[in-house]
C-alpha atoms as a PDB file:
ATOM      1  CA  MET A   1       1.627-133.586  68.004  1.00  0.00           C
ATOM      2  CA  ALA A   2       3.997-135.757  70.108  1.00  0.00           C
ATOM      3  CA  GLU A   3       2.734-138.974  71.773  1.00  0.00           C
ATOM      4  CA  SER A   4       1.397-138.946  75.377  1.00  0.00           C
ATOM      5  CA  GLY A   5       4.160-138.655  77.950  1.00  0.00           C
ATOM      6  CA  ASP A   6       6.560-137.175  75.557  1.00  0.00           C
ATOM      7  CA  GLU A   7       7.640-133.574  76.002  1.00  0.00           C
ATOM      8  CA  MET A   8       6.031-131.116  73.675  1.00  0.00           C
ATOM      9  CA  TYR A   9       8.337-128.657  71.967  1.00  0.00           C
ATOM     10  CA  ILE A  10       7.020-125.370  70.633  1.00  0.00           C
ATOM     11  CA  HIS A  11       9.191-123.854  67.937  1.00  0.00           C
ATOM     12  CA  HIS A  12       9.142-120.043  67.732  1.00  0.00           C
ATOM     13  CA  ALA A  13      10.162-118.136  64.632  1.00  0.00           C
ATOM     14  CA  PRO A  14      13.662-116.675  65.084  1.00  0.00           C
ATOM     15  CA  THR A  15      13.745-112.966  65.961  1.00  0.00           C
ATOM     16  CA  PRO A  16      15.350-111.021  63.113  1.00  0.00           C
ATOM     17  CA  PRO A  17      18.558-109.238  64.148  1.00  0.00           C
ATOM     18  CA  ARG A  18      18.292-105.499  64.751  1.00  0.00           C
ATOM     19  CA  ARG A  19      19.869-103.259  62.218  1.00  0.00           C
ATOM     20  CA  ARG A  20      22.636-101.227  63.711  1.00  0.00           C
ATOM     21  CA  GLY A  21      22.312 -97.450  63.406  1.00  0.00           C
ATOM     22  CA  CYS A  22      18.544 -97.206  63.054  1.00  0.00           C
ATOM     23  CA  GLY A  23      18.240 -95.551  66.451  1.00  0.00           C
ATOM     24  CA  CYS A  24      20.986 -93.043  65.631  1.00  0.00           C
ATOM     25  CA  LEU A  25      19.381 -92.183  62.308  1.00  0.00           C
ATOM     26  CA  GLY A  26      16.083 -91.666  64.058  1.00  0.00           C
ATOM     27  CA  CYS A  27      17.666 -89.339  66.606  1.00  0.00           C
ATOM     28  CA  LEU A  28      19.423 -87.436  63.834  1.00  0.00           C
ATOM     29  CA  GLY A  29      16.159 -87.056  61.959  1.00  0.00           C
ATOM     30  CA  ARG A  30      14.388 -85.764  65.034  1.00  0.00           C
ATOM     31  CA  LEU A  31      17.274 -83.353  65.687  1.00  0.00           C
ATOM     32  CA  CYS A  32      17.080 -81.999  62.123  1.00  0.00           C
ATOM     33  CA  ILE A  33      13.319 -81.555  62.419  1.00  0.00           C
ATOM     34  CA  GLY A  34      13.802 -79.769  65.745  1.00  0.00           C
ATOM     35  CA  LEU A  35      16.442 -77.426  64.305  1.00  0.00           C
ATOM     36  CA  LEU A  36      14.265 -76.716  61.279  1.00  0.00           C
ATOM     37  CA  ALA A  37      11.351 -75.913  63.586  1.00  0.00           C
ATOM     38  CA  LEU A  38      13.541 -73.552  65.616  1.00  0.00           C
ATOM     39  CA  ILE A  39      14.718 -71.797  62.439  1.00  0.00           C
ATOM     40  CA  ILE A  40      11.134 -71.416  61.206  1.00  0.00           C
ATOM     41  CA  ILE A  41      10.008 -70.086  64.598  1.00  0.00           C
ATOM     42  CA  GLY A  42      12.978 -67.699  64.647  1.00  0.00           C
ATOM     43  CA  LEU A  43      12.168 -66.409  61.163  1.00  0.00           C
ATOM     44  CA  LEU A  44       8.507 -65.990  62.053  1.00  0.00           C
ATOM     45  CA  PHE A  45       9.478 -64.119  65.226  1.00  0.00           C
ATOM     46  CA  ALA A  46      11.840 -61.859  63.263  1.00  0.00           C
ATOM     47  CA  TRP A  47       9.114 -61.244  60.666  1.00  0.00           C
ATOM     48  CA  VAL A  48       6.584 -60.342  63.350  1.00  0.00           C
ATOM     49  CA  MET A  49       9.008 -58.043  65.185  1.00  0.00           C
ATOM     50  CA  LEU A  50      10.290 -56.291  62.048  1.00  0.00           C
ATOM     51  CA  VAL A  51       7.200 -56.267  59.819  1.00  0.00           C
ATOM     52  CA  VAL A  52       4.096 -56.554  61.978  1.00  0.00           C
ATOM     53  CA  PHE A  53       5.607 -54.344  64.686  1.00  0.00           C
ATOM     54  CA  PRO A  54       8.150 -52.223  62.757  1.00  0.00           C
ATOM     55  CA  PRO A  55      10.772 -50.664  65.067  1.00  0.00           C
ATOM     56  CA  PHE A  56      10.371 -47.225  63.478  1.00  0.00           C
ATOM     57  CA  GLY A  57       6.572 -47.257  63.518  1.00  0.00           C
ATOM     58  CA  ARG A  58       5.035 -45.641  60.460  1.00  0.00           C
ATOM     59  CA  GLU A  59       8.175 -43.770  59.448  1.00  0.00           C
ATOM     60  CA  ARG A  60       9.294 -44.466  55.893  1.00  0.00           C
ATOM     61  CA  VAL A  61      12.740 -42.951  56.409  1.00  0.00           C
ATOM     62  CA  ALA A  62      14.778 -43.227  59.602  1.00  0.00           C
ATOM     63  CA  ARG A  63      16.502 -39.932  60.452  1.00  0.00           C
ATOM     64  CA  VAL A  64      19.557 -40.218  62.675  1.00  0.00           C
ATOM     65  CA  LEU A  65      22.052 -37.646  63.922  1.00  0.00           C
ATOM     66  CA  LEU A  66      25.625 -38.943  64.041  1.00  0.00           C
ATOM     67  CA  VAL A  67      27.942 -37.008  66.352  1.00  0.00           C
ATOM     68  CA  GLY A  68      31.659 -37.744  66.338  1.00  0.00           C
ATOM     69  CA  LEU A  69      33.455 -36.311  69.363  1.00  0.00           C
ATOM     70  CA  ASP A  70      36.938 -34.801  69.249  1.00  0.00           C
ATOM     71  CA  GLU A  71      39.741 -36.074  71.459  1.00  0.00           C
ATOM     72  CA  PRO A  72      39.579 -35.280  75.212  1.00  0.00           C
ATOM     73  CA  ASP A  73      41.794 -32.495  76.548  1.00  0.00           C
ATOM     74  CA  ARG A  74      45.118 -33.956  77.695  1.00  0.00           C
ATOM     75  CA  LEU A  75      45.422 -31.643  80.716  1.00  0.00           C
ATOM     76  CA  HIS A  76      41.766 -31.695  81.766  1.00  0.00           C
ATOM     77  CA  PRO A  77      40.217 -34.862  80.300  1.00  0.00           C
ATOM     78  CA  ARG A  78      37.320 -34.989  82.767  1.00  0.00           C
ATOM     79  CA  THR A  79      36.456 -31.325  83.197  1.00  0.00           C
ATOM     80  CA  MET A  80      36.892 -29.880  79.700  1.00  0.00           C
ATOM     81  CA  PRO A  81      33.775 -30.537  77.546  1.00  0.00           C
ATOM     82  CA  ARG A  82      34.339 -32.352  74.275  1.00  0.00           C
ATOM     83  CA  ARG A  83      33.203 -30.763  71.018  1.00  0.00           C
ATOM     84  CA  SER A  84      31.629 -32.399  67.995  1.00  0.00           C
ATOM     85  CA  ASP A  85      34.356 -33.120  65.475  1.00  0.00           C
ATOM     86  CA  ALA A  86      31.836 -34.620  63.050  1.00  0.00           C
ATOM     87  CA  VAL A  87      28.161 -33.785  62.522  1.00  0.00           C
ATOM     88  CA  ILE A  88      26.447 -36.077  60.019  1.00  0.00           C
ATOM     89  CA  LEU A  89      22.736 -36.349  59.257  1.00  0.00           C
ATOM     90  CA  MET A  90      21.774 -39.836  58.147  1.00  0.00           C
ATOM     91  CA  ALA A  91      18.597 -40.639  56.203  1.00  0.00           C
ATOM     92  CA  VAL A  92      17.876 -44.361  55.780  1.00  0.00           C
ATOM     93  CA  PRO A  93      14.804 -45.292  53.667  1.00  0.00           C
ATOM     94  CA  LEU A  94      13.276 -48.428  55.156  1.00  0.00           C
ATOM     95  CA  ASP A  95      12.374 -49.862  51.752  1.00  0.00           C
ATOM     96  CA  GLY A  96      16.007 -50.485  50.759  1.00  0.00           C
ATOM     97  CA  ARG A  97      16.347 -47.530  48.353  1.00  0.00           C
ATOM     98  CA  GLY A  98      19.783 -46.574  49.716  1.00  0.00           C
ATOM     99  CA  ALA A  99      20.900 -44.295  52.533  1.00  0.00           C
ATOM    100  CA  THR A 100      22.199 -40.720  52.471  1.00  0.00           C
ATOM    101  CA  MET A 101      24.800 -39.133  54.736  1.00  0.00           C
ATOM    102  CA  LEU A 102      24.865 -35.333  54.839  1.00  0.00           C
ATOM    103  CA  ALA A 103      27.894 -33.840  56.615  1.00  0.00           C
ATOM    104  CA  VAL A 104      27.919 -30.391  58.192  1.00  0.00           C
ATOM    105  CA  PRO A 105      31.310 -28.619  58.487  1.00  0.00           C
ATOM    106  CA  ARG A 106      32.300 -28.421  62.140  1.00  0.00           C
ATOM    107  CA  ASP A 107      33.242 -24.736  61.671  1.00  0.00           C
ATOM    108  CA  ALA A 108      29.852 -23.855  60.137  1.00  0.00           C
ATOM    109  CA  ARG A 109      28.654 -20.471  61.431  1.00  0.00           C
ATOM    110  CA  VAL A 110      25.237 -20.805  63.065  1.00  0.00           C
ATOM    111  CA  ARG A 111      22.938 -19.283  65.651  1.00  0.00           C
ATOM    112  CA  ILE A 112      22.664 -21.654  68.597  1.00  0.00           C
ATOM    113  CA  PRO A 113      19.331 -21.341  70.460  1.00  0.00           C
ATOM    114  CA  GLY A 114      19.796 -19.536  73.761  1.00  0.00           C
ATOM    115  CA  VAL A 115      23.365 -18.450  72.952  1.00  0.00           C
ATOM    116  CA  ARG A 116      24.206 -14.863  72.052  1.00  0.00           C
ATOM    117  CA  GLY A 117      25.917 -14.110  68.768  1.00  0.00           C
ATOM    118  CA  PRO A 118      27.095 -16.434  66.000  1.00  0.00           C
ATOM    119  CA  ARG A 119      28.998 -19.545  66.991  1.00  0.00           C
ATOM    120  CA  LYS A 120      30.534 -22.566  65.320  1.00  0.00           C
ATOM    121  CA  ILE A 121      28.206 -25.537  65.197  1.00  0.00           C
ATOM    122  CA  ASN A 122      30.727 -27.648  67.105  1.00  0.00           C
ATOM    123  CA  ALA A 123      30.024 -25.475  70.172  1.00  0.00           C
ATOM    124  CA  ALA A 124      26.425 -26.701  70.466  1.00  0.00           C
ATOM    125  CA  TYR A 125      27.312 -30.145  71.846  1.00  0.00           C
ATOM    126  CA  PRO A 126      29.539 -29.021  74.758  1.00  0.00           C
ATOM    127  CA  ILE A 127      26.963 -26.366  75.728  1.00  0.00           C
ATOM    128  CA  GLY A 128      23.795 -28.453  75.600  1.00  0.00           C
ATOM    129  CA  LYS A 129      24.761 -31.941  74.408  1.00  0.00           C
ATOM    130  CA  VAL A 130      22.600 -33.717  71.796  1.00  0.00           C
ATOM    131  CA  PRO A 131      19.303 -31.837  72.457  1.00  0.00           C
ATOM    132  CA  LEU A 132      20.868 -28.439  71.718  1.00  0.00           C
ATOM    133  CA  LEU A 133      22.568 -29.739  68.584  1.00  0.00           C
ATOM    134  CA  GLN A 134      19.235 -31.190  67.435  1.00  0.00           C
ATOM    135  CA  GLN A 135      17.548 -27.824  68.036  1.00  0.00           C
ATOM    136  CA  THR A 136      20.288 -26.029  66.103  1.00  0.00           C
ATOM    137  CA  LEU A 137      19.839 -28.267  63.065  1.00  0.00           C
ATOM    138  CA  ALA A 138      16.030 -28.056  63.282  1.00  0.00           C
ATOM    139  CA  GLN A 139      16.036 -24.268  62.756  1.00  0.00           C
ATOM    140  CA  GLU A 140      14.727 -22.942  59.461  1.00  0.00           C
ATOM    141  CA  SER A 141      17.915 -20.891  59.176  1.00  0.00           C
ATOM    142  CA  THR A 142      19.997 -24.089  59.013  1.00  0.00           C
ATOM    143  CA  LEU A 143      18.641 -27.426  57.710  1.00  0.00           C
ATOM    144  CA  ASN A 144      15.103 -27.520  59.145  1.00  0.00           C
ATOM    145  CA  ALA A 145      15.883 -31.150  60.000  1.00  0.00           C
ATOM    146  CA  ARG A 146      13.981 -33.118  62.637  1.00  0.00           C
ATOM    147  CA  LEU A 147      16.291 -35.810  63.973  1.00  0.00           C
ATOM    148  CA  PRO A 148      14.554 -37.971  66.610  1.00  0.00           C
ATOM    149  CA  TYR A 149      17.383 -40.503  66.828  1.00  0.00           C
ATOM    150  CA  TYR A 150      21.037 -39.949  67.604  1.00  0.00           C
ATOM    151  CA  LEU A 151      24.307 -41.795  67.923  1.00  0.00           C
ATOM    152  CA  VAL A 152      27.344 -40.264  69.629  1.00  0.00           C
ATOM    153  CA  PHE A 153      30.686 -41.935  68.968  1.00  0.00           C
ATOM    154  CA  SER A 154      34.402 -41.240  69.343  1.00  0.00           C
ATOM    155  CA  SER A 155      37.712 -42.474  67.978  1.00  0.00           C
ATOM    156  CA  VAL A 156      37.566 -45.262  70.581  1.00  0.00           C
ATOM    157  CA  THR A 157      34.286 -46.459  69.026  1.00  0.00           C
ATOM    158  CA  LEU A 158      35.697 -46.368  65.505  1.00  0.00           C
ATOM    159  CA  LYS A 159      38.900 -48.189  66.449  1.00  0.00           C
ATOM    160  CA  ALA A 160      37.039 -50.934  68.328  1.00  0.00           C
ATOM    161  CA  MET A 161      34.495 -51.564  65.570  1.00  0.00           C
ATOM    162  CA  VAL A 162      37.024 -51.569  62.720  1.00  0.00           C
ATOM    163  CA  ASP A 163      39.175 -54.058  64.625  1.00  0.00           C
ATOM    164  CA  ALA A 164      36.084 -56.176  65.351  1.00  0.00           C
ATOM    165  CA  VAL A 165      35.472 -56.640  61.602  1.00  0.00           C
ATOM    166  CA  HIS A 166      39.193 -57.197  60.939  1.00  0.00           C
ATOM    167  CA  GLY A 167      39.802 -53.942  59.088  1.00  0.00           C
ATOM    168  CA  VAL A 168      38.199 -51.846  56.355  1.00  0.00           C
ATOM    169  CA  ARG A 169      39.372 -51.195  52.798  1.00  0.00           C
ATOM    170  CA  VAL A 170      39.869 -47.580  51.705  1.00  0.00           C
ATOM    171  CA  ASP A 171      41.767 -45.799  48.944  1.00  0.00           C
ATOM    172  CA  VAL A 172      44.280 -43.438  50.561  1.00  0.00           C
ATOM    173  CA  PRO A 173      44.631 -40.472  48.148  1.00  0.00           C
ATOM    174  CA  PHE A 174      48.275 -39.716  49.024  1.00  0.00           C
ATOM    175  CA  ALA A 175      50.973 -40.649  51.505  1.00  0.00           C
ATOM    176  CA  MET A 176      50.135 -39.487  55.028  1.00  0.00           C
ATOM    177  CA  ASP A 177      52.985 -38.993  57.500  1.00  0.00           C
ATOM    178  CA  TYR A 178      52.256 -37.155  60.703  1.00  0.00           C
ATOM    179  CA  ASP A 179      53.468 -37.507  64.301  1.00  0.00           C
ATOM    180  CA  ASP A 180      52.045 -35.685  67.296  1.00  0.00           C
ATOM    181  CA  ASN A 181      53.551 -37.024  70.514  1.00  0.00           C
ATOM    182  CA  TRP A 182      51.488 -34.675  72.682  1.00  0.00           C
ATOM    183  CA  GLY A 183      48.240 -35.779  71.084  1.00  0.00           C
ATOM    184  CA  ASN A 184      49.457 -39.397  70.845  1.00  0.00           C
ATOM    185  CA  LEU A 185      48.649 -39.388  67.138  1.00  0.00           C
ATOM    186  CA  HIS A 186      50.920 -41.194  64.694  1.00  0.00           C
ATOM    187  CA  ILE A 187      49.801 -41.556  61.082  1.00  0.00           C
ATOM    188  CA  HIS A 188      51.915 -43.386  58.495  1.00  0.00           C
ATOM    189  CA  LEU A 189      49.915 -44.498  55.478  1.00  0.00           C
ATOM    190  CA  LYS A 190      51.026 -45.137  51.919  1.00  0.00           C
ATOM    191  CA  LYS A 191      49.066 -43.993  48.895  1.00  0.00           C
ATOM    192  CA  GLY A 192      46.621 -46.427  47.310  1.00  0.00           C
ATOM    193  CA  PRO A 193      43.919 -49.007  48.172  1.00  0.00           C
ATOM    194  CA  GLN A 194      44.590 -50.907  51.391  1.00  0.00           C
ATOM    195  CA  VAL A 195      42.990 -52.475  54.436  1.00  0.00           C
ATOM    196  CA  LEU A 196      43.273 -50.315  57.549  1.00  0.00           C
ATOM    197  CA  ASN A 197      43.104 -51.605  61.108  1.00  0.00           C
ATOM    198  CA  GLY A 198      41.327 -49.628  63.815  1.00  0.00           C
ATOM    199  CA  GLU A 199      44.238 -47.382  64.760  1.00  0.00           C
ATOM    200  CA  GLN A 200      45.054 -46.653  61.119  1.00  0.00           C
ATOM    201  CA  ALA A 201      41.405 -45.855  60.341  1.00  0.00           C
ATOM    202  CA  VAL A 202      41.318 -43.339  63.200  1.00  0.00           C
ATOM    203  CA  GLY A 203      44.499 -41.721  61.888  1.00  0.00           C
ATOM    204  CA  TYR A 204      43.066 -41.627  58.366  1.00  0.00           C
ATOM    205  CA  VAL A 205      39.976 -39.663  59.405  1.00  0.00           C
ATOM    206  CA  ARG A 206      41.894 -37.383  61.807  1.00  0.00           C
ATOM    207  CA  TRP A 207      44.719 -36.446  59.390  1.00  0.00           C
ATOM    208  CA  ARG A 208      45.093 -32.741  58.640  1.00  0.00           C
ATOM    209  CA  LYS A 209      48.633 -32.315  57.306  1.00  0.00           C
ATOM    210  CA  ASN A 210      52.030 -33.967  56.942  1.00  0.00           C
ATOM    211  CA  ASN A 211      54.963 -33.008  59.146  1.00  0.00           C
ATOM    212  CA  SER A 212      56.853 -32.062  55.990  1.00  0.00           C
ATOM    213  CA  GLY A 213      54.189 -29.485  55.104  1.00  0.00           C
ATOM    214  CA  GLU A 214      53.312 -31.274  51.859  1.00  0.00           C
ATOM    215  CA  ASP A 215      49.778 -32.287  50.853  1.00  0.00           C
ATOM    216  CA  ASN A 216      48.163 -29.872  53.276  1.00  0.00           C
ATOM    217  CA  ALA A 217      44.647 -30.539  52.001  1.00  0.00           C
ATOM    218  CA  GLY A 218      43.161 -31.179  55.404  1.00  0.00           C
ATOM    219  CA  THR A 219      40.052 -29.004  55.183  1.00  0.00           C
ATOM    220  CA  ASP A 220      36.817 -29.762  57.016  1.00  0.00           C
ATOM    221  CA  PHE A 221      35.294 -31.004  53.774  1.00  0.00           C
ATOM    222  CA  ASP A 222      38.207 -33.375  53.132  1.00  0.00           C
ATOM    223  CA  ARG A 223      37.938 -34.781  56.641  1.00  0.00           C
ATOM    224  CA  SER A 224      34.179 -35.212  56.236  1.00  0.00           C
ATOM    225  CA  GLU A 225      34.738 -37.183  53.043  1.00  0.00           C
ATOM    226  CA  ARG A 226      37.213 -39.475  54.802  1.00  0.00           C
ATOM    227  CA  GLN A 227      34.882 -39.937  57.777  1.00  0.00           C
ATOM    228  CA  GLN A 228      32.032 -40.915  55.482  1.00  0.00           C
ATOM    229  CA  GLU A 229      34.298 -43.183  53.431  1.00  0.00           C
ATOM    230  CA  VAL A 230      35.312 -45.144  56.523  1.00  0.00           C
ATOM    231  CA  LEU A 231      31.720 -45.332  57.812  1.00  0.00           C
ATOM    232  CA  LYS A 232      30.537 -46.689  54.452  1.00  0.00           C
ATOM    233  CA  ALA A 233      33.374 -49.218  54.348  1.00  0.00           C
ATOM    234  CA  LEU A 234      32.531 -50.321  57.897  1.00  0.00           C
ATOM    235  CA  ALA A 235      28.830 -50.692  57.074  1.00  0.00           C
ATOM    236  CA  ASN A 236      29.608 -52.714  53.931  1.00  0.00           C
ATOM    237  CA  LYS A 237      31.914 -54.992  55.939  1.00  0.00           C
ATOM    238  CA  LEU A 238      29.199 -55.588  58.534  1.00  0.00           C
ATOM    239  CA  LEU A 239      26.805 -56.774  55.806  1.00  0.00           C
ATOM    240  CA  THR A 240      29.173 -59.529  54.622  1.00  0.00           C
ATOM    241  CA  ALA A 241      28.922 -63.136  55.842  1.00  0.00           C
ATOM    242  CA  ARG A 242      31.950 -62.632  58.071  1.00  0.00           C
ATOM    243  CA  GLY A 243      30.494 -59.402  59.416  1.00  0.00           C
ATOM    244  CA  ILE A 244      27.240 -61.154  60.325  1.00  0.00           C
ATOM    245  CA  VAL A 245      29.197 -63.865  62.159  1.00  0.00           C
ATOM    246  CA  ASN A 246      31.064 -61.160  64.096  1.00  0.00           C
ATOM    247  CA  ALA A 247      27.873 -59.163  64.758  1.00  0.00           C
ATOM    248  CA  PRO A 248      27.619 -60.063  68.492  1.00  0.00           C
ATOM    249  CA  THR A 249      31.194 -58.898  69.117  1.00  0.00           C
ATOM    250  CA  VAL A 250      30.698 -55.734  67.079  1.00  0.00           C
ATOM    251  CA  TYR A 251      27.453 -54.917  68.893  1.00  0.00           C
ATOM    252  CA  LYS A 252      29.087 -55.431  72.295  1.00  0.00           C
ATOM    253  CA  LYS A 253      31.910 -53.044  71.424  1.00  0.00           C
ATOM    254  CA  PHE A 254      29.445 -50.608  69.870  1.00  0.00           C
ATOM    255  CA  ARG A 255      27.270 -50.412  72.980  1.00  0.00           C
ATOM    256  CA  ALA A 256      30.285 -50.071  75.270  1.00  0.00           C
ATOM    257  CA  ASN A 257      31.622 -47.019  73.425  1.00  0.00           C
ATOM    258  CA  THR A 258      28.579 -45.083  72.182  1.00  0.00           C
ATOM    259  CA  GLN A 259      25.614 -43.068  73.416  1.00  0.00           C
ATOM    260  CA  SER A 260      22.382 -43.647  71.525  1.00  0.00           C
ATOM    261  CA  ASN A 261      18.614 -43.793  71.924  1.00  0.00           C
ATOM    262  CA  LEU A 262      18.351 -46.447  69.190  1.00  0.00           C
ATOM    263  CA  THR A 263      17.107 -49.877  70.264  1.00  0.00           C
ATOM    264  CA  PHE A 264      18.691 -53.146  69.162  1.00  0.00           C
ATOM    265  CA  ARG A 265      15.857 -53.796  66.675  1.00  0.00           C
ATOM    266  CA  GLN A 266      16.262 -50.321  65.209  1.00  0.00           C
ATOM    267  CA  LEU A 267      20.001 -50.809  64.804  1.00  0.00           C
ATOM    268  CA  VAL A 268      19.381 -54.120  63.012  1.00  0.00           C
ATOM    269  CA  VAL A 269      16.938 -52.472  60.599  1.00  0.00           C
ATOM    270  CA  LEU A 270      19.341 -49.584  59.962  1.00  0.00           C
ATOM    271  CA  GLY A 271      22.142 -52.031  59.265  1.00  0.00           C
ATOM    272  CA  LEU A 272      20.033 -54.025  56.803  1.00  0.00           C
ATOM    273  CA  ASN A 273      18.967 -50.895  54.913  1.00  0.00           C
ATOM    274  CA  PHE A 274      22.259 -48.993  55.061  1.00  0.00           C
ATOM    275  CA  LYS A 275      23.494 -49.889  51.597  1.00  0.00           C
ATOM    276  CA  ASP A 276      24.557 -47.974  48.511  1.00  0.00           C
ATOM    277  CA  ALA A 277      24.945 -44.945  50.781  1.00  0.00           C
ATOM    278  CA  THR A 278      25.448 -41.559  49.148  1.00  0.00           C
ATOM    279  CA  ALA A 279      27.886 -39.228  50.911  1.00  0.00           C
ATOM    280  CA  LEU A 280      27.094 -35.506  50.664  1.00  0.00           C
ATOM    281  CA  ALA A 281      28.157 -32.317  52.447  1.00  0.00           C
ATOM    282  CA  VAL A 282      26.501 -28.962  52.993  1.00  0.00           C
ATOM    283  CA  PRO A 283      28.447 -26.644  50.637  1.00  0.00           C
ATOM    284  CA  GLY A 284      30.253 -23.643  52.038  1.00  0.00           C
ATOM    285  CA  ASP A 285      33.326 -21.429  51.922  1.00  0.00           C
ATOM    286  CA  ALA A 286      35.849 -20.357  54.529  1.00  0.00           C
ATOM    287  CA  SER A 287      34.849 -16.992  55.961  1.00  0.00           C
ATOM    288  CA  PRO A 288      37.149 -15.632  58.706  1.00  0.00           C
ATOM    289  CA  ARG A 289      35.444 -13.079  60.966  1.00  0.00           C
ATOM    290  CA  ARG A 290      37.352 -11.086  63.592  1.00  0.00           C
ATOM    291  CA  GLY A 291      40.083 -13.671  63.712  1.00  0.00           C
ATOM    292  CA  VAL A 292      37.680 -16.622  63.972  1.00  0.00           C
ATOM    293  CA  SER A 293      37.777 -19.265  61.240  1.00  0.00           C
ATOM    294  CA  TYR A 294      34.178 -19.895  60.170  1.00  0.00           C
ATOM    295  CA  VAL A 295      32.634 -21.748  57.242  1.00  0.00           C
ATOM    296  CA  GLU A 296      29.760 -19.843  55.675  1.00  0.00           C
ATOM    297  CA  CYS A 297      27.368 -22.562  54.526  1.00  0.00           C
ATOM    298  CA  ASP A 298      24.827 -22.505  51.730  1.00  0.00           C
ATOM    299  CA  TRP A 299      21.978 -23.671  53.955  1.00  0.00           C
ATOM    300  CA  ARG A 300      19.419 -23.418  51.164  1.00  0.00           C
ATOM    301  CA  ALA A 301      21.367 -25.981  49.135  1.00  0.00           C
ATOM    302  CA  GLY A 302      21.785 -28.094  52.260  1.00  0.00           C
ATOM    303  CA  ARG A 303      18.034 -28.077  52.933  1.00  0.00           C
ATOM    304  CA  ALA A 304      17.359 -29.171  49.352  1.00  0.00           C
ATOM    305  CA  MET A 305      19.776 -32.100  49.792  1.00  0.00           C
ATOM    306  CA  TRP A 306      18.147 -33.156  53.055  1.00  0.00           C
ATOM    307  CA  GLU A 307      14.581 -32.854  51.748  1.00  0.00           C
ATOM    308  CA  LYS A 308      15.490 -35.058  48.788  1.00  0.00           C
ATOM    309  CA  ALA A 309      17.103 -37.620  51.098  1.00  0.00           C
ATOM    310  CA  ILE A 310      14.008 -38.024  53.297  1.00  0.00           C
ATOM    311  CA  ARG A 311      11.400 -38.255  50.524  1.00  0.00           C
END
């Protein structure tokens, strides 16, 4: 202690210098913990919504009717009803066993409820829209198929979605060269595996013949195979990492160009389970009657295919 009268000095221990960056590291740690918590909450929410409250209820297999519309009439686009150019029954097991697509020829001869005489199945949609087509397919004389869900699309839908995923890869069986200025359809594809953009994909599924008259294999069954090939390629592309990144854009274009009673959650579940899809068609033979080109289908074989798909 200093003598009396002298000033007393108190020496404090020097404050250690602060380490630079500790605050930033702390903020980064808290941010990572927050993001991890959000991811966990998101996964739990998805699990609850998809597992605890499944979007298809107690159904083990989702049954969906896909209806592809033909092109609108050039002279009367608003007044002339559009027919179904593609009728495809889709069975998607919700346990990941693989989906099945069963195509019905658009010229299939059927009895449409409430309509006199035999008609082509593509007449059901313009007469009574989706409900009448569902009733036609639910008859025991056709496929005895109950299809509570539906999805109506057109070439505009297909073009938009294929472009949204930056093209789909298909194997073109032969060179396709066709021009129809009136129908605004121009198809020029080389033979072999290739990536098609939206416009090319639409031409690929719509092709019937070449202008030269060669390779005229454009039957209903051939077109159904090409339609299913493109749909499978599109579904496979959507399940890739790039497809998942583009999912919001694809969904926006999908909703803008389709009619469907499927909810967003149901579409997500269908997309996750639509893998290793098997493409089938109801067998049949061309059977002209009184100048009308029908396809006489083997409905018994078709029912067996459908019953196997929904087991």
